[in-house]
Amino acid sequence: MQPMQPPGAAFVDMHTVLMQAPGALNIPGRPWYVTVEGASIVARWNWMDATFFSPHEVTDETRRYTFTVTLSENGKWKEIDVTENKSSGVKMSGGKIGFGSSSSTFKGKTNQKSFSLGMGQNNRTGQAGIIGFKFDTTSVKQPIRDYLASQGWKKGGMFG
């Protein structure tokens, strides 16, 4: 772990940490990826893009997760999570066809784990049949936190 640089040198450290983040965090086989936007490391994971089938319904679902870590010149970072869920479908009931869609976005602090399994098609891979999707925010957050800590950075206060 590197010691913190003296005041006035924090900007240089921040620049170095940001520039090295994609190389350190974008590892082959990881389902999420990192970009740098201004003073932030932004991890994005499009963890579900599927069409699910049931006897009387077809539903398209997409679920995305974004974890943003914003660095400040004092050697600390703040975190924010964003989850986006979209669903649209066609349903047949009582001889009638119905259409529907929904969308939701959450922005704040979250720790989530989920597993979805169903009959359908994974729209990213083309796999059809019984498909499953696994999601865990810790699998994104912890490597980024570990990377920053290894560079001598600390998570900012209670709301950081």
Protein backbone atom coordinates (compact mmCIF):
# COMPACT_ATOMS: atom_id res chain seq x y z
CA MET A 1 0.00 0.00 0.00
CA GLN A 2 1.44 3.36 -1.01
CA PRO A 3 1.45 6.16 1.55
CA MET A 4 -0.64 9.22 0.81
CA GLN A 5 1.20 12.01 -0.95
CA PRO A 6 1.57 15.35 0.85
CA PRO A 7 -1.06 18.04 0.22
CA GLY A 8 -0.62 19.66 -3.17
CA ALA A 9 0.50 16.40 -4.78
CA ALA A 10 -2.95 14.74 -4.50
CA PHE A 11 -3.94 15.85 -8.01
CA VAL A 12 -1.00 13.99 -9.53
CA ASP A 13 -1.91 10.87 -7.57
CA MET A 14 -5.54 11.20 -8.59
CA HIS A 15 -4.54 11.49 -12.24
CA THR A 16 -2.32 8.39 -11.99
CA VAL A 17 -4.99 6.36 -10.18
CA LEU A 18 -7.62 7.30 -12.75
CA MET A 19 -5.42 6.60 -15.76
CA GLN A 20 -4.35 3.19 -14.44
CA ALA A 21 -7.85 2.11 -13.35
CA PRO A 22 -9.07 0.60 -16.66
CA GLY A 23 -5.88 -1.45 -17.07
CA ALA A 24 -6.05 -2.69 -13.49
CA LEU A 25 -9.80 -3.41 -13.42
CA ASN A 26 -10.82 -4.48 -16.93
CA ILE A 27 -9.93 -8.14 -16.67
CA PRO A 28 -10.90 -10.64 -19.40
CA GLY A 29 -13.86 -12.74 -18.34
CA ARG A 30 -15.33 -10.11 -16.04
CA PRO A 31 -18.93 -9.30 -17.00
CA TRP A 32 -18.51 -5.60 -16.18
CA TYR A 33 -16.11 -2.97 -17.43
CA VAL A 34 -14.60 0.29 -16.18
CA THR A 35 -14.21 3.67 -17.84
CA VAL A 36 -12.88 6.93 -16.46
CA GLU A 37 -15.11 9.99 -16.69
CA GLY A 38 -13.61 13.16 -15.25
CA ALA A 39 -12.63 12.40 -11.65
CA SER A 40 -14.73 9.22 -11.56
CA ILE A 41 -14.17 5.53 -12.12
CA VAL A 42 -17.41 4.20 -13.61
CA ALA A 43 -18.15 0.47 -13.68
CA ARG A 44 -21.00 -0.69 -15.91
CA TRP A 45 -22.65 -4.09 -16.00
CA ASN A 46 -25.51 -4.95 -18.34
CA TRP A 47 -26.23 -8.09 -16.37
CA MET A 48 -29.49 -9.17 -18.00
CA ASP A 49 -30.77 -8.85 -21.56
CA ALA A 50 -33.26 -11.61 -22.19
CA THR A 51 -36.54 -12.61 -23.73
CA PHE A 52 -38.53 -14.94 -21.47
CA PHE A 53 -41.28 -17.22 -22.75
CA SER A 54 -44.22 -18.79 -20.95
CA PRO A 55 -47.35 -20.45 -22.39
CA HIS A 56 -49.30 -17.18 -22.59
CA GLU A 57 -46.63 -14.49 -22.35
CA VAL A 58 -43.42 -13.18 -23.89
CA THR A 59 -41.37 -10.67 -21.90
CA ASP A 60 -38.21 -8.73 -22.78
CA GLU A 61 -36.13 -7.74 -19.76
CA THR A 62 -32.98 -5.65 -19.44
CA ARG A 63 -31.21 -4.89 -16.18
CA ARG A 64 -28.20 -2.63 -15.79
CA TYR A 65 -26.01 -1.67 -12.88
CA THR A 66 -23.60 1.26 -12.65
CA PHE A 67 -21.19 1.86 -9.77
CA THR A 68 -19.49 5.26 -9.77
CA VAL A 69 -16.57 6.15 -7.53
CA THR A 70 -15.66 9.84 -7.54
CA LEU A 71 -12.22 10.79 -6.28
CA SER A 72 -11.44 14.04 -4.49
CA GLU A 73 -8.08 15.72 -4.20
CA ASN A 74 -7.90 14.92 -0.46
CA GLY A 75 -7.25 11.20 -1.14
CA LYS A 76 -10.81 10.04 -0.48
CA TRP A 77 -13.60 8.72 -2.66
CA LYS A 78 -17.40 8.71 -2.67
CA GLU A 79 -19.65 6.03 -4.14
CA ILE A 80 -23.05 5.92 -5.82
CA ASP A 81 -25.02 3.00 -7.28
CA VAL A 82 -27.56 3.16 -10.11
CA THR A 83 -29.81 0.26 -11.08
CA GLU A 84 -32.03 0.37 -14.16
CA ASN A 85 -34.70 -2.22 -14.93
CA LYS A 86 -36.85 -2.30 -18.08
CA SER A 87 -39.50 -4.81 -19.03
CA SER A 88 -41.96 -5.06 -21.90
CA GLY A 89 -44.20 -7.86 -22.94
CA VAL A 90 -47.17 -9.34 -24.70
CA LYS A 91 -49.72 -11.40 -22.79
CA MET A 92 -52.68 -13.44 -23.98
CA SER A 93 -55.49 -13.90 -21.50
CA GLY A 94 -59.15 -14.76 -22.04
CA GLY A 95 -58.78 -14.53 -25.81
CA LYS A 96 -57.42 -11.00 -25.59
CA ILE A 97 -53.91 -9.73 -26.25
CA GLY A 98 -52.39 -7.21 -23.84
CA PHE A 99 -49.22 -5.17 -24.12
CA GLY A 100 -47.31 -3.65 -21.24
CA SER A 101 -44.04 -2.12 -20.25
CA SER A 102 -42.37 -0.85 -17.13
CA SER A 103 -39.18 0.93 -16.25
CA SER A 104 -37.53 1.79 -12.96
CA THR A 105 -34.32 3.48 -11.90
CA PHE A 106 -32.74 3.63 -8.44
CA LYS A 107 -29.89 5.95 -7.53
CA GLY A 108 -28.28 5.77 -4.10
CA LYS A 109 -26.57 3.11 -1.99
CA THR A 110 -27.42 -0.54 -2.52
CA ASN A 111 -26.10 -4.03 -1.94
CA GLN A 112 -27.91 -6.59 -4.04
CA LYS A 113 -27.64 -10.25 -4.95
CA SER A 114 -30.05 -12.01 -7.25
CA PHE A 115 -30.39 -14.98 -9.53
CA SER A 116 -32.95 -15.22 -12.33
CA LEU A 117 -33.77 -18.42 -14.15
CA GLY A 118 -36.35 -19.03 -16.85
CA MET A 119 -37.21 -20.37 -20.26
CA GLY A 120 -36.13 -17.98 -22.96
CA GLN A 121 -33.23 -16.53 -24.89
CA ASN A 122 -30.17 -14.65 -23.70
CA ASN A 123 -30.13 -11.75 -26.17
CA ARG A 124 -26.37 -11.17 -25.79
CA THR A 125 -25.21 -14.74 -26.41
CA GLY A 126 -28.14 -16.14 -28.42
CA GLN A 127 -28.39 -19.09 -25.98
CA ALA A 128 -31.95 -20.40 -25.87
CA GLY A 129 -33.67 -22.79 -23.50
CA ILE A 130 -33.32 -22.56 -19.74
CA ILE A 131 -31.25 -19.44 -19.12
CA GLY A 132 -29.96 -17.90 -15.93
CA PHE A 133 -28.51 -14.58 -14.80
CA LYS A 134 -26.53 -13.96 -11.61
CA PHE A 135 -26.00 -10.52 -10.10
CA ASP A 136 -24.00 -9.38 -7.07
CA THR A 137 -23.03 -5.74 -6.52
CA THR A 138 -20.12 -6.81 -4.29
CA SER A 139 -18.43 -8.47 -7.27
CA VAL A 140 -18.13 -4.99 -8.82
CA LYS A 141 -17.57 -2.86 -5.73
CA GLN A 142 -14.90 -4.90 -3.94
CA PRO A 143 -12.28 -4.99 -6.74
CA ILE A 144 -12.61 -1.23 -7.22
CA ARG A 145 -12.37 -0.57 -3.48
CA ASP A 146 -9.36 -2.89 -3.22
CA TYR A 147 -7.66 -1.12 -6.15
CA LEU A 148 -8.16 2.32 -4.57
CA ALA A 149 -7.02 1.13 -1.14
CA SER A 150 -3.88 -0.36 -2.71
CA GLN A 151 -3.12 3.13 -4.04
CA GLY A 152 -3.45 4.66 -0.56
CA TRP A 153 -6.97 6.04 -1.03
CA LYS A 154 -9.72 5.91 1.62
CA LYS A 155 -13.48 5.79 1.37
CA GLY A 156 -14.94 9.16 2.38
CA GLY A 157 -17.02 9.47 5.56
CA MET A 158 -20.43 8.16 6.45
CA PHE A 159 -22.01 9.15 3.13
CA GLY A 160 -18.97 8.29 0.94
